[in-house]
PDB file of all heavy atoms in Angstrom:
ATOM      1  N   GLU A   1       0.828  -1.205   0.010  1.00  0.00           N
ATOM      2  CA  GLU A   1      -0.004   0.001   0.002  1.00  0.00           C
ATOM      3  C   GLU A   1       0.859   1.256   0.003  1.00  0.00           C
ATOM      4  O   GLU A   1       1.898   1.320   0.668  1.00  0.00           O
ATOM      5  CB  GLU A   1      -0.913   0.051   1.236  1.00  0.00           C
ATOM      6  CG  GLU A   1      -1.974  -1.021   1.280  1.00  0.00           C
ATOM      7  CD  GLU A   1      -2.874  -0.863   2.500  1.00  0.00           C
ATOM      8  OE1 GLU A   1      -2.671   0.103   3.269  1.00  0.00           O
ATOM      9  OE2 GLU A   1      -3.782  -1.700   2.676  1.00  0.00           O
ATOM     10  N   ILE A   2       0.404   2.254  -0.770  1.00  0.00           N
ATOM     11  CA  ILE A   2       1.023   3.573  -0.751  1.00  0.00           C
ATOM     12  C   ILE A   2      -0.090   4.620  -0.602  1.00  0.00           C
ATOM     13  O   ILE A   2      -1.089   4.558  -1.327  1.00  0.00           O
ATOM     14  CB  ILE A   2       1.828   3.849  -2.038  1.00  0.00           C
ATOM     15  CG1 ILE A   2       2.917   2.797  -2.246  1.00  0.00           C
ATOM     16  CG2 ILE A   2       2.451   5.249  -2.004  1.00  0.00           C
ATOM     17  CD1 ILE A   2       3.651   2.929  -3.572  1.00  0.00           C
ATOM     18  N   HIS A   3       0.080   5.542   0.331  1.00  0.00           N
ATOM     19  CA  HIS A   3      -0.880   6.628   0.531  1.00  0.00           C
ATOM     20  C   HIS A   3      -0.213   7.936   0.105  1.00  0.00           C
ATOM     21  O   HIS A   3       0.865   8.270   0.598  1.00  0.00           O
ATOM     22  CB  HIS A   3      -1.297   6.710   2.006  1.00  0.00           C
ATOM     23  CG  HIS A   3      -2.022   5.495   2.496  1.00  0.00           C
ATOM     24  ND1 HIS A   3      -3.378   5.476   2.698  1.00  0.00           N
ATOM     25  CD2 HIS A   3      -1.573   4.252   2.809  1.00  0.00           C
ATOM     26  CE1 HIS A   3      -3.740   4.269   3.127  1.00  0.00           C
ATOM     27  NE2 HIS A   3      -2.659   3.498   3.205  1.00  0.00           N
ATOM     28  N   VAL A   4      -0.859   8.662  -0.802  1.00  0.00           N
ATOM     29  CA  VAL A   4      -0.340   9.954  -1.272  1.00  0.00           C
ATOM     30  C   VAL A   4      -1.392  11.021  -0.986  1.00  0.00           C
ATOM     31  O   VAL A   4      -2.532  10.922  -1.452  1.00  0.00           O
ATOM     32  CB  VAL A   4      -0.033   9.919  -2.788  1.00  0.00           C
ATOM     33  CG1 VAL A   4       0.521  11.270  -3.242  1.00  0.00           C
ATOM     34  CG2 VAL A   4       0.955   8.799  -3.100  1.00  0.00           C
ATOM     35  N   THR A   5      -1.009  12.024  -0.215  1.00  0.00           N
ATOM     36  CA  THR A   5      -1.963  13.061   0.211  1.00  0.00           C
ATOM     37  C   THR A   5      -1.420  14.449  -0.126  1.00  0.00           C
ATOM     38  O   THR A   5      -0.291  14.788   0.227  1.00  0.00           O
ATOM     39  CB  THR A   5      -2.218  12.984   1.728  1.00  0.00           C
ATOM     40  OG1 THR A   5      -2.657  11.670   2.065  1.00  0.00           O
ATOM     41  CG2 THR A   5      -3.283  14.002   2.141  1.00  0.00           C
ATOM     42  N   LEU A   6      -2.251  15.253  -0.818  1.00  0.00           N
ATOM     43  CA  LEU A   6      -1.955  16.667  -1.003  1.00  0.00           C
ATOM     44  C   LEU A   6      -2.588  17.385   0.183  1.00  0.00           C
ATOM     45  O   LEU A   6      -3.813  17.456   0.306  1.00  0.00           O
ATOM     46  CB  LEU A   6      -2.541  17.164  -2.327  1.00  0.00           C
ATOM     47  CG  LEU A   6      -1.976  16.534  -3.594  1.00  0.00           C
ATOM     48  CD1 LEU A   6      -2.632  17.146  -4.835  1.00  0.00           C
ATOM     49  CD2 LEU A   6      -0.466  16.688  -3.673  1.00  0.00           C
ATOM     50  N   GLU A   7      -1.743  17.900   1.070  1.00  0.00           N
ATOM     51  CA  GLU A   7      -2.210  18.465   2.327  1.00  0.00           C
ATOM     52  C   GLU A   7      -2.799  19.873   2.128  1.00  0.00           C
ATOM     53  O   GLU A   7      -2.508  20.565   1.151  1.00  0.00           O
ATOM     54  CB  GLU A   7      -1.081  18.521   3.347  1.00  0.00           C
ATOM     55  CG  GLU A   7      -0.366  17.201   3.589  1.00  0.00           C
ATOM     56  CD  GLU A   7      -1.195  16.205   4.401  1.00  0.00           C
ATOM     57  OE1 GLU A   7      -2.336  16.566   4.801  1.00  0.00           O
ATOM     58  OE2 GLU A   7      -0.711  15.085   4.634  1.00  0.00           O
ATOM     59  N   GLU A   8      -3.601  20.291   3.083  1.00  0.00           N
ATOM     60  CA  GLU A   8      -4.262  21.594   3.006  1.00  0.00           C
ATOM     61  C   GLU A   8      -3.243  22.740   2.989  1.00  0.00           C
ATOM     62  O   GLU A   8      -3.481  23.781   2.397  1.00  0.00           O
ATOM     63  CB  GLU A   8      -5.217  21.756   4.191  1.00  0.00           C
ATOM     64  CG  GLU A   8      -6.093  22.987   4.127  1.00  0.00           C
ATOM     65  CD  GLU A   8      -7.113  23.059   5.245  1.00  0.00           C
ATOM     66  OE1 GLU A   8      -7.149  22.115   6.072  1.00  0.00           O
ATOM     67  OE2 GLU A   8      -7.880  24.032   5.288  1.00  0.00           O
ATOM     68  N   ASP A   9      -2.095  22.538   3.653  1.00  0.00           N
ATOM     69  CA  ASP A   9      -1.088  23.598   3.713  1.00  0.00           C
ATOM     70  C   ASP A   9      -0.209  23.657   2.474  1.00  0.00           C
ATOM     71  O   ASP A   9       0.738  24.462   2.416  1.00  0.00           O
ATOM     72  CB  ASP A   9      -0.216  23.443   4.955  1.00  0.00           C
ATOM     73  CG  ASP A   9       0.626  22.159   4.946  1.00  0.00           C
ATOM     74  OD1 ASP A   9       0.498  21.373   3.976  1.00  0.00           O
ATOM     75  OD2 ASP A   9       1.397  21.945   5.899  1.00  0.00           O
ATOM     76  N   GLY A  10      -0.484  22.821   1.460  1.00  0.00           N
ATOM     77  CA  GLY A  10       0.299  22.838   0.229  1.00  0.00           C
ATOM     78  C   GLY A  10       1.393  21.807   0.162  1.00  0.00           C
ATOM     79  O   GLY A  10       2.019  21.627  -0.884  1.00  0.00           O
ATOM     80  N   SER A  11       1.658  21.126   1.280  1.00  0.00           N
ATOM     81  CA  SER A  11       2.697  20.094   1.290  1.00  0.00           C
ATOM     82  C   SER A  11       2.129  18.784   0.757  1.00  0.00           C
ATOM     83  O   SER A  11       0.931  18.663   0.450  1.00  0.00           O
ATOM     84  CB  SER A  11       3.224  19.892   2.713  1.00  0.00           C
ATOM     85  OG  SER A  11       2.226  19.359   3.557  1.00  0.00           O
ATOM     86  N   CYS A  12       2.991  17.797   0.626  1.00  0.00           N
ATOM     87  CA  CYS A  12       2.593  16.458   0.166  1.00  0.00           C
ATOM     88  C   CYS A  12       3.113  15.407   1.140  1.00  0.00           C
ATOM     89  O   CYS A  12       4.235  15.531   1.641  1.00  0.00           O
ATOM     90  CB  CYS A  12       3.132  16.188  -1.233  1.00  0.00           C
ATOM     91  SG  CYS A  12       2.751  14.527  -1.860  1.00  0.00           S
ATOM     92  N   THR A  13       2.291  14.402   1.389  1.00  0.00           N
ATOM     93  CA  THR A  13       2.691  13.306   2.265  1.00  0.00           C
ATOM     94  C   THR A  13       2.622  11.993   1.487  1.00  0.00           C
ATOM     95  O   THR A  13       1.619  11.717   0.819  1.00  0.00           O
ATOM     96  CB  THR A  13       1.769  13.212   3.497  1.00  0.00           C
ATOM     97  OG1 THR A  13       1.849  14.415   4.239  1.00  0.00           O
ATOM     98  CG2 THR A  13       2.195  12.037   4.388  1.00  0.00           C
ATOM     99  N   VAL A  14       3.696  11.210   1.552  1.00  0.00           N
ATOM    100  CA  VAL A  14       3.742   9.878   0.948  1.00  0.00           C
ATOM    101  C   VAL A  14       4.058   8.883   2.043  1.00  0.00           C
ATOM    102  O   VAL A  14       5.057   9.023   2.753  1.00  0.00           O
ATOM    103  CB  VAL A  14       4.796   9.801  -0.169  1.00  0.00           C
ATOM    104  CG1 VAL A  14       4.840   8.382  -0.755  1.00  0.00           C
ATOM    105  CG2 VAL A  14       4.523  10.820  -1.270  1.00  0.00           C
ATOM    106  N   GLN A  15       3.187   7.880   2.211  1.00  0.00           N
ATOM    107  CA  GLN A  15       3.379   6.889   3.257  1.00  0.00           C
ATOM    108  C   GLN A  15       3.201   5.488   2.681  1.00  0.00           C
ATOM    109  O   GLN A  15       2.291   5.245   1.886  1.00  0.00           O
ATOM    110  CB  GLN A  15       2.371   7.109   4.391  1.00  0.00           C
ATOM    111  CG  GLN A  15       2.544   6.151   5.568  1.00  0.00           C
ATOM    112  CD  GLN A  15       1.686   6.543   6.754  1.00  0.00           C
ATOM    113  OE1 GLN A  15       1.027   7.576   6.739  1.00  0.00           O
ATOM    114  NE2 GLN A  15       1.684   5.738   7.790  1.00  0.00           N
ATOM    115  N   ASP A  16       4.090   4.558   3.048  1.00  0.00           N
ATOM    116  CA  ASP A  16       3.991   3.190   2.574  1.00  0.00           C
ATOM    117  C   ASP A  16       4.082   2.220   3.731  1.00  0.00           C
ATOM    118  O   ASP A  16       4.344   2.617   4.876  1.00  0.00           O
ATOM    119  CB  ASP A  16       5.064   2.889   1.521  1.00  0.00           C
ATOM    120  CG  ASP A  16       6.481   2.993   2.070  1.00  0.00           C
ATOM    121  OD1 ASP A  16       6.738   2.427   3.157  1.00  0.00           O
ATOM    122  OD2 ASP A  16       7.342   3.630   1.422  1.00  0.00           O
ATOM    123  N   ASN A  17       3.845   0.930   3.454  1.00  0.00           N
ATOM    124  CA  ASN A  17       3.976  -0.095   4.476  1.00  0.00           C
ATOM    125  C   ASN A  17       5.145  -1.036   4.144  1.00  0.00           C
ATOM    126  O   ASN A  17       5.068  -2.236   4.330  1.00  0.00           O
ATOM    127  CB  ASN A  17       2.673  -0.878   4.665  1.00  0.00           C
ATOM    128  CG  ASN A  17       2.268  -1.667   3.417  1.00  0.00           C
ATOM    129  OD1 ASN A  17       2.796  -1.443   2.330  1.00  0.00           O
ATOM    130  ND2 ASN A  17       1.326  -2.587   3.562  1.00  0.00           N
ATOM    131  N   GLY A  18       6.200  -0.437   3.641  1.00  0.00           N
ATOM    132  CA  GLY A  18       7.421  -1.196   3.334  1.00  0.00           C
ATOM    133  C   GLY A  18       8.280  -1.415   4.563  1.00  0.00           C
ATOM    134  O   GLY A  18       7.805  -1.327   5.708  1.00  0.00           O
ATOM    135  N   ARG A  19       9.545  -1.664   4.334  1.00  0.00           N
ATOM    136  CA  ARG A  19      10.450  -1.992   5.436  1.00  0.00           C
ATOM    137  C   ARG A  19      10.891  -0.778   6.250  1.00  0.00           C
ATOM    138  O   ARG A  19      11.413  -0.910   7.353  1.00  0.00           O
ATOM    139  CB  ARG A  19      11.696  -2.708   4.878  1.00  0.00           C
ATOM    140  CG  ARG A  19      11.427  -4.091   4.341  1.00  0.00           C
ATOM    141  CD  ARG A  19      12.592  -4.631   3.555  1.00  0.00           C
ATOM    142  NE  ARG A  19      12.793  -3.924   2.298  1.00  0.00           N
ATOM    143  CZ  ARG A  19      13.686  -4.286   1.375  1.00  0.00           C
ATOM    144  NH1 ARG A  19      14.459  -5.333   1.589  1.00  0.00           N
ATOM    145  NH2 ARG A  19      13.793  -3.599   0.246  1.00  0.00           N
ATOM    146  N   GLY A  20      10.711   0.406   5.679  1.00  0.00           N
ATOM    147  CA  GLY A  20      11.175   1.608   6.352  1.00  0.00           C
ATOM    148  C   GLY A  20      12.637   1.875   6.014  1.00  0.00           C
ATOM    149  O   GLY A  20      13.429   0.934   5.872  1.00  0.00           O
ATOM    150  N   ILE A  21      13.009   3.144   5.881  1.00  0.00           N
ATOM    151  CA  ILE A  21      14.414   3.475   5.604  1.00  0.00           C
ATOM    152  C   ILE A  21      15.281   2.960   6.744  1.00  0.00           C
ATOM    153  O   ILE A  21      14.962   3.154   7.923  1.00  0.00           O
ATOM    154  CB  ILE A  21      14.595   5.000   5.466  1.00  0.00           C
ATOM    155  CG1 ILE A  21      13.709   5.547   4.354  1.00  0.00           C
ATOM    156  CG2 ILE A  21      16.063   5.338   5.179  1.00  0.00           C
ATOM    157  CD1 ILE A  21      13.726   7.068   4.263  1.00  0.00           C
ATOM    158  N   PRO A  22      16.378   2.297   6.473  1.00  0.00           N
ATOM    159  CA  PRO A  22      17.258   1.800   7.550  1.00  0.00           C
ATOM    160  C   PRO A  22      17.702   2.946   8.456  1.00  0.00           C
ATOM    161  O   PRO A  22      18.040   4.028   8.006  1.00  0.00           O
ATOM    162  CB  PRO A  22      18.442   1.200   6.786  1.00  0.00           C
ATOM    163  CG  PRO A  22      17.874   0.808   5.453  1.00  0.00           C
ATOM    164  CD  PRO A  22      16.842   1.857   5.140  1.00  0.00           C
ATOM    165  N   VAL A  23      17.701   2.678   9.748  1.00  0.00           N
ATOM    166  CA  VAL A  23      18.059   3.726  10.734  1.00  0.00           C
ATOM    167  C   VAL A  23      19.316   3.362  11.522  1.00  0.00           C
ATOM    168  O   VAL A  23      19.798   4.149  12.323  1.00  0.00           O
ATOM    169  CB  VAL A  23      16.888   3.959  11.717  1.00  0.00           C
ATOM    170  CG1 VAL A  23      15.673   4.499  10.996  1.00  0.00           C
ATOM    171  CG2 VAL A  23      16.533   2.653  12.452  1.00  0.00           C
ATOM    172  N   GLU A  24      19.850   2.160  11.251  1.00  0.00           N
ATOM    173  CA  GLU A  24      21.031   1.728  11.997  1.00  0.00           C
ATOM    174  C   GLU A  24      22.246   2.611  11.690  1.00  0.00           C
ATOM    175  O   GLU A  24      22.230   3.398  10.742  1.00  0.00           O
ATOM    176  CB  GLU A  24      21.344   0.268  11.678  1.00  0.00           C
ATOM    177  CG  GLU A  24      20.253  -0.729  12.085  1.00  0.00           C
ATOM    178  CD  GLU A  24      19.073  -0.739  11.121  1.00  0.00           C
ATOM    179  OE1 GLU A  24      19.238  -0.293   9.954  1.00  0.00           O
ATOM    180  OE2 GLU A  24      17.991  -1.175  11.529  1.00  0.00           O
ATOM    181  N   MET A  25      23.305   2.445  12.484  1.00  0.00           N
ATOM    182  CA  MET A  25      24.516   3.233  12.305  1.00  0.00           C
ATOM    183  C   MET A  25      25.181   2.887  10.974  1.00  0.00           C
ATOM    184  O   MET A  25      25.401   1.721  10.662  1.00  0.00           O
ATOM    185  CB  MET A  25      25.498   2.975  13.446  1.00  0.00           C
ATOM    186  CG  MET A  25      26.765   3.827  13.379  1.00  0.00           C
ATOM    187  SD  MET A  25      26.425   5.593  13.650  1.00  0.00           S
ATOM    188  CE  MET A  25      26.088   5.585  15.422  1.00  0.00           C
ATOM    189  N   HIS A  26      25.475   3.913  10.194  1.00  0.00           N
ATOM    190  CA  HIS A  26      26.178   3.745   8.923  1.00  0.00           C
ATOM    191  C   HIS A  26      27.678   3.925   9.163  1.00  0.00           C
ATOM    192  O   HIS A  26      28.107   4.498  10.175  1.00  0.00           O
ATOM    193  CB  HIS A  26      25.666   4.790   7.911  1.00  0.00           C
ATOM    194  CG  HIS A  26      26.157   4.597   6.517  1.00  0.00           C
ATOM    195  ND1 HIS A  26      27.294   5.182   6.046  1.00  0.00           N
ATOM    196  CD2 HIS A  26      25.649   3.870   5.485  1.00  0.00           C
ATOM    197  CE1 HIS A  26      27.476   4.838   4.772  1.00  0.00           C
ATOM    198  NE2 HIS A  26      26.485   4.032   4.404  1.00  0.00           N
ATOM    199  N   LYS A  27      28.470   3.424   8.249  1.00  0.00           N
ATOM    200  CA  LYS A  27      29.923   3.544   8.410  1.00  0.00           C
ATOM    201  C   LYS A  27      30.402   4.980   8.423  1.00  0.00           C
ATOM    202  O   LYS A  27      31.536   5.269   8.844  1.00  0.00           O
ATOM    203  CB  LYS A  27      30.649   2.747   7.330  1.00  0.00           C
ATOM    204  CG  LYS A  27      30.340   3.162   5.907  1.00  0.00           C
ATOM    205  CD  LYS A  27      30.994   2.226   4.905  1.00  0.00           C
ATOM    206  CE  LYS A  27      30.660   2.591   3.477  1.00  0.00           C
ATOM    207  NZ  LYS A  27      31.254   1.642   2.498  1.00  0.00           N
ATOM    208  N   LYS A  28      29.528   5.925   7.988  1.00  0.00           N
ATOM    209  CA  LYS A  28      29.891   7.331   8.059  1.00  0.00           C
ATOM    210  C   LYS A  28      29.776   7.879   9.481  1.00  0.00           C
ATOM    211  O   LYS A  28      30.122   9.032   9.737  1.00  0.00           O
ATOM    212  CB  LYS A  28      28.995   8.157   7.109  1.00  0.00           C
ATOM    213  CG  LYS A  28      29.415   8.091   5.651  1.00  0.00           C
ATOM    214  CD  LYS A  28      28.517   8.981   4.805  1.00  0.00           C
ATOM    215  CE  LYS A  28      29.038   9.117   3.385  1.00  0.00           C
ATOM    216  NZ  LYS A  28      30.224   9.992   3.297  1.00  0.00           N
ATOM    217  N   GLY A  29      29.244   7.057  10.400  1.00  0.00           N
ATOM    218  CA  GLY A  29      29.177   7.487  11.788  1.00  0.00           C
ATOM    219  C   GLY A  29      27.861   8.088  12.200  1.00  0.00           C
ATOM    220  O   GLY A  29      27.737   8.600  13.323  1.00  0.00           O
ATOM    221  N   VAL A  30      26.850   8.069  11.321  1.00  0.00           N
ATOM    222  CA  VAL A  30      25.515   8.561  11.653  1.00  0.00           C
ATOM    223  C   VAL A  30      24.489   7.562  11.148  1.00  0.00           C
ATOM    224  O   VAL A  30      24.824   6.617  10.416  1.00  0.00           O
ATOM    225  CB  VAL A  30      25.239   9.957  11.032  1.00  0.00           C
ATOM    226  CG1 VAL A  30      26.149  11.001  11.630  1.00  0.00           C
ATOM    227  CG2 VAL A  30      25.362   9.914   9.516  1.00  0.00           C
ATOM    228  N   SER A  31      23.222   7.787  11.500  1.00  0.00           N
ATOM    229  CA  SER A  31      22.138   6.908  11.064  1.00  0.00           C
ATOM    230  C   SER A  31      22.107   6.808   9.528  1.00  0.00           C
ATOM    231  O   SER A  31      22.322   7.808   8.832  1.00  0.00           O
ATOM    232  CB  SER A  31      20.802   7.450  11.572  1.00  0.00           C
ATOM    233  OG  SER A  31      19.730   6.758  10.972  1.00  0.00           O
TER     234      SER A  31
END
């Protein structure tokens, strides 16, 4: 599923039910 919303304030929201962007520590020293 993908949800795409044009918000009232002019912004856009895209939401999915995938794995999520990885948040673990990267070799660069940040998430």
